[in-house]
């Protein structure tokens, strides 16, 4: 037996109890920032997010919804709304579909980088529900009326992270 193993406590997975978030943040104050560009898709992402939040008992009065022109504007709006009083998480929804120019790459890159930076700067959970698709059919599949809807996934991710951060704060 190695020296390290002999000197260490008995740390086994069965004895460890990691903190985990759950979907039990019904009183959370959340914001949703959604792009108008590709609105037939982003409207479906918003519907998915609202469906998920409704199933979890989120009070619609506690939601702030912002519409922005496109995916490039999502980070700035997310940062501004995250600074609002009592906001605990932001769900970001958008759709960028590849075209014939490099514009797709620039928008996707800056949107992703910006939203990641907003999460780090604010310390708030950000749900990344931004579709980056090669064509409209891919986008439709990810914004359907089922549990594969990426707006729903982003909303549930934010709820889980809000719950986890609350548990971490209570532990400290």
N, C-alpha and C. Protein backbone atom coordinates (compact mmCIF):
# COMPACT_ATOMS: atom_id res chain seq x y z
N UNK A 1 0.86 -1.17 0.00
CA UNK A 1 0.00 0.00 0.00
C UNK A 1 0.90 1.23 0.00
N UNK A 2 0.52 2.21 -0.79
CA UNK A 2 1.34 3.42 -0.89
C UNK A 2 1.23 4.23 0.39
N UNK A 3 2.24 5.07 0.62
CA UNK A 3 2.26 5.93 1.79
C UNK A 3 1.03 6.84 1.82
N UNK A 4 0.67 7.39 0.67
CA UNK A 4 -0.49 8.29 0.61
C UNK A 4 -1.76 7.54 1.00
N UNK A 5 -1.96 6.37 0.45
CA UNK A 5 -3.16 5.60 0.76
C UNK A 5 -3.20 5.19 2.23
N UNK A 6 -2.06 4.85 2.79
CA UNK A 6 -2.03 4.43 4.19
C UNK A 6 -2.32 5.60 5.13
N UNK A 7 -1.90 6.80 4.77
CA UNK A 7 -2.08 7.95 5.64
C UNK A 7 -3.42 8.65 5.45
N UNK A 8 -4.11 8.39 4.38
CA UNK A 8 -5.34 9.13 4.10
C UNK A 8 -6.52 8.51 4.85
N UNK A 9 -7.51 9.34 5.04
CA UNK A 9 -8.76 8.85 5.62
C UNK A 9 -9.44 7.97 4.60
N UNK A 10 -10.46 7.28 5.03
CA UNK A 10 -11.19 6.40 4.14
C UNK A 10 -12.19 7.22 3.33
N UNK A 11 -11.73 7.79 2.23
CA UNK A 11 -12.59 8.57 1.35
C UNK A 11 -13.13 7.67 0.26
N UNK A 12 -14.35 7.27 0.40
CA UNK A 12 -14.98 6.45 -0.64
C UNK A 12 -16.22 7.18 -1.12
N UNK A 13 -16.59 6.90 -2.33
CA UNK A 13 -17.75 7.55 -2.93
C UNK A 13 -19.01 7.31 -2.11
N UNK A 14 -19.12 6.15 -1.49
CA UNK A 14 -20.33 5.86 -0.73
C UNK A 14 -20.44 6.74 0.52
N UNK A 15 -19.33 7.30 0.99
CA UNK A 15 -19.36 8.14 2.18
C UNK A 15 -19.41 9.63 1.85
N UNK A 16 -19.07 9.99 0.62
CA UNK A 16 -19.09 11.39 0.23
C UNK A 16 -20.52 11.82 -0.11
N UNK A 17 -20.87 13.00 0.28
CA UNK A 17 -22.19 13.57 -0.03
C UNK A 17 -22.00 14.91 -0.71
N UNK A 18 -21.78 14.90 -2.01
CA UNK A 18 -21.58 16.17 -2.70
C UNK A 18 -22.86 17.00 -2.69
N UNK A 19 -22.70 18.31 -2.69
CA UNK A 19 -23.85 19.19 -2.84
C UNK A 19 -24.31 19.12 -4.29
N UNK A 20 -25.60 19.02 -4.46
CA UNK A 20 -26.18 19.00 -5.80
C UNK A 20 -27.41 19.87 -5.80
N UNK A 21 -27.63 20.53 -6.91
CA UNK A 21 -28.85 21.28 -7.07
C UNK A 21 -29.98 20.38 -7.53
N UNK A 22 -31.17 20.82 -7.28
CA UNK A 22 -32.36 20.11 -7.73
C UNK A 22 -33.27 21.14 -8.39
N UNK A 23 -34.43 20.74 -8.74
CA UNK A 23 -35.36 21.67 -9.40
C UNK A 23 -36.34 22.24 -8.39
N UNK A 24 -35.85 22.53 -7.20
CA UNK A 24 -36.70 22.96 -6.09
C UNK A 24 -36.51 24.45 -5.77
N UNK A 25 -36.49 25.27 -6.80
CA UNK A 25 -36.28 26.71 -6.59
C UNK A 25 -37.50 27.49 -7.09
N UNK A 26 -38.67 27.06 -6.64
CA UNK A 26 -39.92 27.62 -7.15
C UNK A 26 -40.07 29.12 -6.88
N UNK A 27 -39.40 29.62 -5.87
CA UNK A 27 -39.53 31.05 -5.55
C UNK A 27 -38.42 31.89 -6.19
N UNK A 28 -37.68 31.30 -7.10
CA UNK A 28 -36.55 32.00 -7.73
C UNK A 28 -37.04 33.16 -8.60
N UNK A 29 -36.28 34.25 -8.56
CA UNK A 29 -36.52 35.38 -9.46
C UNK A 29 -35.58 35.23 -10.64
N UNK A 30 -36.16 35.00 -11.79
CA UNK A 30 -35.38 34.71 -12.98
C UNK A 30 -35.67 35.71 -14.09
N UNK A 31 -34.73 35.79 -15.01
CA UNK A 31 -34.92 36.59 -16.22
C UNK A 31 -34.70 35.69 -17.43
N UNK A 32 -35.41 36.00 -18.48
CA UNK A 32 -35.23 35.32 -19.76
C UNK A 32 -34.91 36.40 -20.78
N UNK A 33 -33.80 36.21 -21.49
CA UNK A 33 -33.42 37.13 -22.56
C UNK A 33 -33.51 36.32 -23.85
N UNK A 34 -34.33 36.78 -24.78
CA UNK A 34 -34.59 36.02 -26.00
C UNK A 34 -34.43 36.90 -27.23
N UNK A 35 -33.77 36.34 -28.21
CA UNK A 35 -33.52 37.03 -29.47
C UNK A 35 -34.75 37.01 -30.37
N UNK A 36 -34.98 38.13 -31.06
CA UNK A 36 -36.06 38.17 -32.05
C UNK A 36 -35.63 37.55 -33.38
N UNK A 37 -34.32 37.57 -33.67
CA UNK A 37 -33.84 37.02 -34.93
C UNK A 37 -34.16 35.53 -34.96
N UNK A 38 -34.68 35.05 -36.06
CA UNK A 38 -35.16 33.67 -36.19
C UNK A 38 -36.30 33.40 -35.21
N UNK A 39 -37.21 34.37 -35.11
CA UNK A 39 -38.28 34.28 -34.10
C UNK A 39 -39.18 33.05 -34.22
N UNK A 40 -39.40 32.45 -35.39
CA UNK A 40 -40.18 31.20 -35.37
C UNK A 40 -39.51 30.12 -34.51
N UNK A 41 -38.19 30.17 -34.42
CA UNK A 41 -37.45 29.21 -33.58
C UNK A 41 -37.35 29.73 -32.15
N UNK A 42 -36.95 30.98 -31.97
CA UNK A 42 -36.74 31.49 -30.62
C UNK A 42 -38.05 31.57 -29.83
N UNK A 43 -39.16 31.80 -30.52
CA UNK A 43 -40.46 31.76 -29.83
C UNK A 43 -40.73 30.38 -29.27
N UNK A 44 -40.34 29.35 -30.01
CA UNK A 44 -40.51 27.97 -29.54
C UNK A 44 -39.57 27.67 -28.37
N UNK A 45 -38.36 28.23 -28.41
CA UNK A 45 -37.45 28.07 -27.27
C UNK A 45 -38.03 28.73 -26.03
N UNK A 46 -38.61 29.91 -26.20
CA UNK A 46 -39.24 30.60 -25.07
C UNK A 46 -40.42 29.80 -24.53
N UNK A 47 -41.23 29.26 -25.42
CA UNK A 47 -42.35 28.41 -24.97
C UNK A 47 -41.84 27.22 -24.17
N UNK A 48 -40.76 26.61 -24.63
CA UNK A 48 -40.18 25.47 -23.90
C UNK A 48 -39.69 25.88 -22.52
N UNK A 49 -39.02 27.02 -22.43
CA UNK A 49 -38.53 27.51 -21.14
C UNK A 49 -39.70 27.78 -20.20
N UNK A 50 -40.73 28.45 -20.71
CA UNK A 50 -41.88 28.77 -19.86
C UNK A 50 -42.62 27.51 -19.43
N UNK A 51 -42.70 26.54 -20.31
CA UNK A 51 -43.32 25.25 -19.96
C UNK A 51 -42.57 24.59 -18.80
N UNK A 52 -41.26 24.56 -18.92
CA UNK A 52 -40.44 23.93 -17.87
C UNK A 52 -40.57 24.67 -16.55
N UNK A 53 -40.52 25.99 -16.61
CA UNK A 53 -40.62 26.78 -15.38
C UNK A 53 -42.01 26.62 -14.75
N UNK A 54 -43.03 26.57 -15.57
CA UNK A 54 -44.39 26.36 -15.06
C UNK A 54 -44.53 25.02 -14.36
N UNK A 55 -43.95 23.97 -14.95
CA UNK A 55 -44.01 22.65 -14.30
C UNK A 55 -43.33 22.66 -12.94
N UNK A 56 -42.33 23.52 -12.77
CA UNK A 56 -41.59 23.57 -11.51
C UNK A 56 -42.18 24.58 -10.53
N UNK A 57 -43.30 25.18 -10.88
CA UNK A 57 -43.99 26.07 -9.96
C UNK A 57 -43.47 27.49 -9.90
N UNK A 58 -42.70 27.90 -10.89
CA UNK A 58 -42.19 29.28 -10.91
C UNK A 58 -43.37 30.23 -11.12
N UNK A 59 -43.43 31.25 -10.31
CA UNK A 59 -44.47 32.27 -10.40
C UNK A 59 -44.15 33.19 -11.58
N UNK A 60 -45.09 33.30 -12.51
CA UNK A 60 -44.86 34.14 -13.69
C UNK A 60 -44.59 35.60 -13.31
N UNK A 61 -45.10 36.02 -12.17
CA UNK A 61 -44.88 37.39 -11.71
C UNK A 61 -43.40 37.63 -11.36
N UNK A 62 -42.68 36.57 -11.10
CA UNK A 62 -41.26 36.68 -10.74
C UNK A 62 -40.33 36.64 -11.95
N UNK A 63 -40.91 36.51 -13.15
CA UNK A 63 -40.10 36.44 -14.36
C UNK A 63 -39.98 37.81 -15.02
N UNK A 64 -38.80 38.11 -15.49
CA UNK A 64 -38.56 39.29 -16.33
C UNK A 64 -38.14 38.76 -17.68
N UNK A 65 -38.86 39.15 -18.73
CA UNK A 65 -38.54 38.70 -20.08
C UNK A 65 -38.13 39.89 -20.93
N UNK A 66 -36.96 39.78 -21.55
CA UNK A 66 -36.45 40.81 -22.43
C UNK A 66 -36.30 40.25 -23.83
N UNK A 67 -36.68 41.03 -24.82
CA UNK A 67 -36.46 40.68 -26.23
C UNK A 67 -35.33 41.56 -26.76
N UNK A 68 -34.40 40.95 -27.44
CA UNK A 68 -33.29 41.70 -28.05
C UNK A 68 -33.27 41.38 -29.54
N UNK A 69 -32.61 42.24 -30.34
CA UNK A 69 -32.63 42.03 -31.79
C UNK A 69 -32.05 40.68 -32.25
N UNK A 70 -30.88 40.31 -31.74
CA UNK A 70 -30.25 39.08 -32.20
C UNK A 70 -29.38 38.45 -31.13
N UNK A 71 -28.71 37.37 -31.50
CA UNK A 71 -27.86 36.64 -30.55
C UNK A 71 -26.68 37.47 -30.07
N UNK A 72 -26.17 38.34 -30.92
CA UNK A 72 -25.03 39.17 -30.54
C UNK A 72 -25.37 40.08 -29.36
N UNK A 73 -26.63 40.48 -29.22
CA UNK A 73 -27.06 41.38 -28.15
C UNK A 73 -27.40 40.64 -26.85
N UNK A 74 -27.44 39.34 -26.87
CA UNK A 74 -27.78 38.57 -25.66
C UNK A 74 -26.85 38.85 -24.48
N UNK A 75 -25.52 38.86 -24.65
CA UNK A 75 -24.66 39.06 -23.49
C UNK A 75 -24.87 40.39 -22.77
N UNK A 76 -24.99 41.47 -23.53
CA UNK A 76 -25.16 42.78 -22.90
C UNK A 76 -26.49 42.85 -22.14
N UNK A 77 -27.55 42.36 -22.76
CA UNK A 77 -28.85 42.37 -22.08
C UNK A 77 -28.83 41.46 -20.86
N UNK A 78 -28.17 40.31 -20.98
CA UNK A 78 -28.08 39.39 -19.83
C UNK A 78 -27.33 40.05 -18.68
N UNK A 79 -26.25 40.75 -19.00
CA UNK A 79 -25.48 41.42 -17.95
C UNK A 79 -26.31 42.50 -17.27
N UNK A 80 -27.05 43.27 -18.05
CA UNK A 80 -27.86 44.35 -17.49
C UNK A 80 -28.97 43.79 -16.60
N UNK A 81 -29.69 42.78 -17.09
CA UNK A 81 -30.79 42.25 -16.29
C UNK A 81 -30.27 41.49 -15.06
N UNK A 82 -29.09 40.88 -15.17
CA UNK A 82 -28.51 40.18 -14.03
C UNK A 82 -28.19 41.13 -12.89
N UNK A 83 -27.95 42.39 -13.22
CA UNK A 83 -27.65 43.40 -12.20
C UNK A 83 -28.91 43.85 -11.47
N UNK A 84 -30.06 43.38 -11.93
CA UNK A 84 -31.32 43.78 -11.31
C UNK A 84 -31.47 43.21 -9.91
N UNK A 85 -32.25 43.88 -9.13
CA UNK A 85 -32.46 43.53 -7.74
C UNK A 85 -33.09 42.14 -7.59
N UNK A 86 -32.36 41.25 -6.99
CA UNK A 86 -32.90 39.94 -6.65
C UNK A 86 -32.89 38.91 -7.75
N UNK A 87 -32.42 39.22 -8.94
CA UNK A 87 -32.36 38.22 -10.01
C UNK A 87 -31.35 37.15 -9.61
N UNK A 88 -31.78 35.89 -9.69
CA UNK A 88 -30.93 34.77 -9.29
C UNK A 88 -30.39 33.96 -10.45
N UNK A 89 -30.94 34.16 -11.63
CA UNK A 89 -30.47 33.41 -12.80
C UNK A 89 -31.06 33.99 -14.06
N UNK A 90 -30.35 33.78 -15.18
CA UNK A 90 -30.78 34.31 -16.46
C UNK A 90 -30.76 33.18 -17.49
N UNK A 91 -31.85 33.06 -18.22
CA UNK A 91 -31.98 32.08 -19.28
C UNK A 91 -31.83 32.83 -20.60
N UNK A 92 -30.86 32.43 -21.41
CA UNK A 92 -30.57 33.13 -22.66
C UNK A 92 -30.94 32.24 -23.84
N UNK A 93 -31.77 32.78 -24.73
CA UNK A 93 -32.31 32.00 -25.84
C UNK A 93 -32.07 32.72 -27.17
N UNK A 94 -31.53 32.00 -28.13
CA UNK A 94 -31.29 32.57 -29.44
C UNK A 94 -31.09 31.47 -30.46
N UNK A 95 -30.99 31.88 -31.72
CA UNK A 95 -30.78 30.92 -32.80
C UNK A 95 -29.98 31.58 -33.91
N UNK A 96 -28.85 30.97 -34.24
CA UNK A 96 -28.02 31.44 -35.34
C UNK A 96 -27.91 30.27 -36.33
N UNK A 97 -28.25 30.55 -37.58
CA UNK A 97 -28.22 29.51 -38.61
C UNK A 97 -27.12 29.86 -39.61
N UNK A 98 -26.30 28.87 -39.91
CA UNK A 98 -25.15 29.07 -40.80
C UNK A 98 -25.62 29.55 -42.18
N UNK A 99 -24.88 30.51 -42.69
CA UNK A 99 -25.13 31.00 -44.04
C UNK A 99 -23.91 30.80 -44.90
N UNK A 100 -23.78 31.61 -45.93
CA UNK A 100 -22.67 31.47 -46.88
C UNK A 100 -21.46 32.32 -46.54
N UNK A 101 -21.54 33.08 -45.45
CA UNK A 101 -20.42 33.96 -45.08
C UNK A 101 -19.93 33.60 -43.68
N UNK A 102 -18.80 34.15 -43.26
CA UNK A 102 -18.28 33.86 -41.92
C UNK A 102 -19.04 34.56 -40.80
N UNK A 103 -20.07 35.32 -41.13
CA UNK A 103 -20.86 36.04 -40.12
C UNK A 103 -21.33 35.09 -39.00
N UNK A 104 -21.77 33.90 -39.37
CA UNK A 104 -22.22 32.88 -38.42
C UNK A 104 -21.15 32.64 -37.35
N UNK A 105 -19.92 32.44 -37.79
CA UNK A 105 -18.83 32.13 -36.86
C UNK A 105 -18.58 33.26 -35.88
N UNK A 106 -18.61 34.49 -36.39
CA UNK A 106 -18.37 35.65 -35.53
C UNK A 106 -19.47 35.81 -34.49
N UNK A 107 -20.71 35.72 -34.94
CA UNK A 107 -21.84 35.90 -34.01
C UNK A 107 -21.84 34.80 -32.96
N UNK A 108 -21.68 33.55 -33.39
CA UNK A 108 -21.69 32.43 -32.44
C UNK A 108 -20.56 32.55 -31.42
N UNK A 109 -19.38 32.87 -31.91
CA UNK A 109 -18.22 32.98 -31.04
C UNK A 109 -18.40 34.08 -30.01
N UNK A 110 -18.79 35.27 -30.45
CA UNK A 110 -18.93 36.40 -29.53
C UNK A 110 -20.11 36.23 -28.58
N UNK A 111 -21.17 35.64 -29.04
CA UNK A 111 -22.32 35.38 -28.16
C UNK A 111 -21.92 34.41 -27.05
N UNK A 112 -21.27 33.33 -27.43
CA UNK A 112 -20.85 32.32 -26.46
C UNK A 112 -19.84 32.90 -25.47
N UNK A 113 -18.83 33.57 -25.99
CA UNK A 113 -17.81 34.18 -25.14
C UNK A 113 -18.43 35.19 -24.19
N UNK A 114 -19.30 36.03 -24.74
CA UNK A 114 -19.93 37.06 -23.94
C UNK A 114 -20.81 36.50 -22.82
N UNK A 115 -21.59 35.50 -23.14
CA UNK A 115 -22.46 34.92 -22.10
C UNK A 115 -21.63 34.22 -21.02
N UNK A 116 -20.57 33.56 -21.42
CA UNK A 116 -19.69 32.95 -20.42
C UNK A 116 -19.07 34.01 -19.50
N UNK A 117 -18.68 35.12 -20.09
CA UNK A 117 -18.10 36.20 -19.30
C UNK A 117 -19.12 36.82 -18.36
N UNK A 118 -20.36 36.96 -18.82
CA UNK A 118 -21.42 37.49 -17.96
C UNK A 118 -21.62 36.58 -16.75
N UNK A 119 -21.64 35.29 -16.97
CA UNK A 119 -21.81 34.35 -15.86
C UNK A 119 -20.67 34.50 -14.86
N UNK A 120 -19.45 34.59 -15.35
CA UNK A 120 -18.30 34.74 -14.45
C UNK A 120 -18.30 36.08 -13.74
N UNK A 121 -18.64 37.14 -14.45
CA UNK A 121 -18.63 38.48 -13.86
C UNK A 121 -19.72 38.66 -12.81
N UNK A 122 -20.89 38.09 -13.06
CA UNK A 122 -22.02 38.30 -12.15
C UNK A 122 -22.12 37.22 -11.08
N UNK A 123 -21.53 36.06 -11.34
CA UNK A 123 -21.66 34.96 -10.39
C UNK A 123 -23.04 34.32 -10.42
N UNK A 124 -23.84 34.65 -11.43
CA UNK A 124 -25.19 34.09 -11.53
C UNK A 124 -25.23 32.97 -12.56
N UNK A 125 -26.10 31.99 -12.35
CA UNK A 125 -26.28 30.95 -13.36
C UNK A 125 -26.88 31.55 -14.64
N UNK A 126 -26.30 31.19 -15.77
CA UNK A 126 -26.83 31.56 -17.07
C UNK A 126 -27.14 30.28 -17.83
N UNK A 127 -28.36 30.18 -18.29
CA UNK A 127 -28.74 29.04 -19.11
C UNK A 127 -28.44 29.35 -20.57
N UNK A 128 -27.65 28.50 -21.20
CA UNK A 128 -27.24 28.73 -22.59
C UNK A 128 -28.19 27.99 -23.52
N UNK A 129 -29.20 28.68 -23.96
CA UNK A 129 -30.17 28.12 -24.90
C UNK A 129 -30.04 28.78 -26.25
N UNK A 130 -28.82 28.88 -26.73
CA UNK A 130 -28.56 29.50 -28.03
C UNK A 130 -28.23 28.38 -29.03
N UNK A 131 -29.09 28.23 -30.00
CA UNK A 131 -28.88 27.21 -31.02
C UNK A 131 -27.89 27.74 -32.06
N UNK A 132 -26.96 26.91 -32.46
CA UNK A 132 -26.02 27.22 -33.53
C UNK A 132 -26.13 26.08 -34.53
N UNK A 133 -26.92 26.28 -35.56
CA UNK A 133 -27.31 25.19 -36.45
C UNK A 133 -26.85 25.42 -37.88
N UNK A 134 -26.68 24.32 -38.59
CA UNK A 134 -26.30 24.39 -40.00
C UNK A 134 -27.49 24.76 -40.89
N UNK A 135 -28.70 24.40 -40.45
CA UNK A 135 -29.87 24.70 -41.27
C UNK A 135 -31.12 24.79 -40.39
N UNK A 136 -32.20 25.23 -40.99
CA UNK A 136 -33.46 25.43 -40.26
C UNK A 136 -34.02 24.13 -39.71
N UNK A 137 -33.81 23.03 -40.41
CA UNK A 137 -34.32 21.74 -39.92
C UNK A 137 -33.67 21.35 -38.60
N UNK A 138 -32.37 21.57 -38.47
CA UNK A 138 -31.69 21.30 -37.20
C UNK A 138 -32.27 22.17 -36.10
N UNK A 139 -32.53 23.43 -36.41
CA UNK A 139 -33.09 24.35 -35.42
C UNK A 139 -34.48 23.89 -34.97
N UNK A 140 -35.31 23.50 -35.91
CA UNK A 140 -36.67 23.03 -35.57
C UNK A 140 -36.62 21.82 -34.64
N UNK A 141 -35.69 20.91 -34.89
CA UNK A 141 -35.57 19.72 -34.04
C UNK A 141 -35.21 20.08 -32.60
N UNK A 142 -34.44 21.14 -32.42
CA UNK A 142 -33.99 21.54 -31.09
C UNK A 142 -34.94 22.51 -30.40
N UNK A 143 -36.00 22.88 -31.11
CA UNK A 143 -36.98 23.81 -30.54
C UNK A 143 -38.40 23.23 -30.63
N UNK A 144 -38.50 21.92 -30.57
CA UNK A 144 -39.80 21.26 -30.70
C UNK A 144 -40.62 21.31 -29.43
N UNK A 145 -41.79 20.75 -29.51
CA UNK A 145 -42.72 20.70 -28.37
C UNK A 145 -42.48 19.45 -27.53
N UNK A 146 -41.24 19.20 -27.21
CA UNK A 146 -40.90 18.02 -26.41
C UNK A 146 -39.76 18.37 -25.47
N UNK A 147 -39.30 17.38 -24.75
CA UNK A 147 -38.24 17.62 -23.76
C UNK A 147 -36.86 17.81 -24.39
N UNK A 148 -36.77 17.71 -25.70
CA UNK A 148 -35.52 18.00 -26.40
C UNK A 148 -35.38 19.49 -26.68
N UNK A 149 -36.39 20.27 -26.34
CA UNK A 149 -36.38 21.71 -26.56
C UNK A 149 -35.26 22.32 -25.73
N UNK A 150 -34.35 23.01 -26.38
CA UNK A 150 -33.18 23.56 -25.69
C UNK A 150 -33.53 24.75 -24.80
N UNK A 151 -34.67 25.38 -25.03
CA UNK A 151 -35.14 26.42 -24.11
C UNK A 151 -35.54 25.81 -22.78
N UNK A 152 -36.21 24.67 -22.85
CA UNK A 152 -36.57 23.94 -21.64
C UNK A 152 -35.32 23.49 -20.89
N UNK A 153 -34.37 22.97 -21.63
CA UNK A 153 -33.12 22.51 -21.01
C UNK A 153 -32.38 23.65 -20.32
N UNK A 154 -32.32 24.81 -20.96
CA UNK A 154 -31.64 25.97 -20.37
C UNK A 154 -32.34 26.43 -19.10
N UNK A 155 -33.67 26.41 -19.11
CA UNK A 155 -34.44 26.83 -17.93
C UNK A 155 -34.20 25.87 -16.76
N UNK A 156 -34.23 24.59 -17.03
CA UNK A 156 -34.02 23.61 -15.96
C UNK A 156 -32.60 23.67 -15.42
N UNK A 157 -31.64 23.95 -16.28
CA UNK A 157 -30.25 24.11 -15.84
C UNK A 157 -30.13 25.27 -14.87
N UNK A 158 -30.76 26.39 -15.20
CA UNK A 158 -30.70 27.55 -14.31
C UNK A 158 -31.35 27.23 -12.97
N UNK A 159 -32.50 26.57 -12.97
CA UNK A 159 -33.15 26.21 -11.69
C UNK A 159 -32.25 25.32 -10.85
N UNK A 160 -31.61 24.35 -11.47
CA UNK A 160 -30.73 23.46 -10.73
C UNK A 160 -29.54 24.22 -10.14
N UNK A 161 -28.99 25.14 -10.90
CA UNK A 161 -27.85 25.92 -10.41
C UNK A 161 -28.27 26.90 -9.31
N UNK A 162 -29.44 27.50 -9.42
CA UNK A 162 -29.94 28.38 -8.35
C UNK A 162 -30.08 27.56 -7.06
N UNK A 163 -30.65 26.38 -7.17
CA UNK A 163 -30.80 25.51 -6.01
C UNK A 163 -29.43 25.15 -5.41
N UNK A 164 -28.47 24.80 -6.26
CA UNK A 164 -27.13 24.46 -5.79
C UNK A 164 -26.48 25.65 -5.08
N UNK A 165 -26.57 26.84 -5.65
CA UNK A 165 -25.96 28.01 -5.03
C UNK A 165 -26.63 28.34 -3.70
N UNK A 166 -27.92 28.13 -3.59
CA UNK A 166 -28.61 28.34 -2.32
C UNK A 166 -28.10 27.37 -1.26
N UNK A 167 -27.92 26.12 -1.64
CA UNK A 167 -27.41 25.12 -0.70
C UNK A 167 -25.98 25.47 -0.27
N UNK A 168 -25.18 25.91 -1.22
CA UNK A 168 -23.81 26.29 -0.90
C UNK A 168 -23.78 27.48 0.06
N UNK A 169 -24.65 28.45 -0.15
CA UNK A 169 -24.73 29.62 0.74
C UNK A 169 -25.18 29.19 2.14
N UNK A 170 -26.14 28.28 2.21
CA UNK A 170 -26.64 27.81 3.51
C UNK A 170 -25.56 27.04 4.26
N UNK A 171 -24.75 26.29 3.52
CA UNK A 171 -23.68 25.51 4.15
C UNK A 171 -22.60 26.43 4.71
N UNK A 172 -22.34 27.52 4.00
CA UNK A 172 -21.30 28.46 4.44
C UNK A 172 -21.86 29.39 5.49
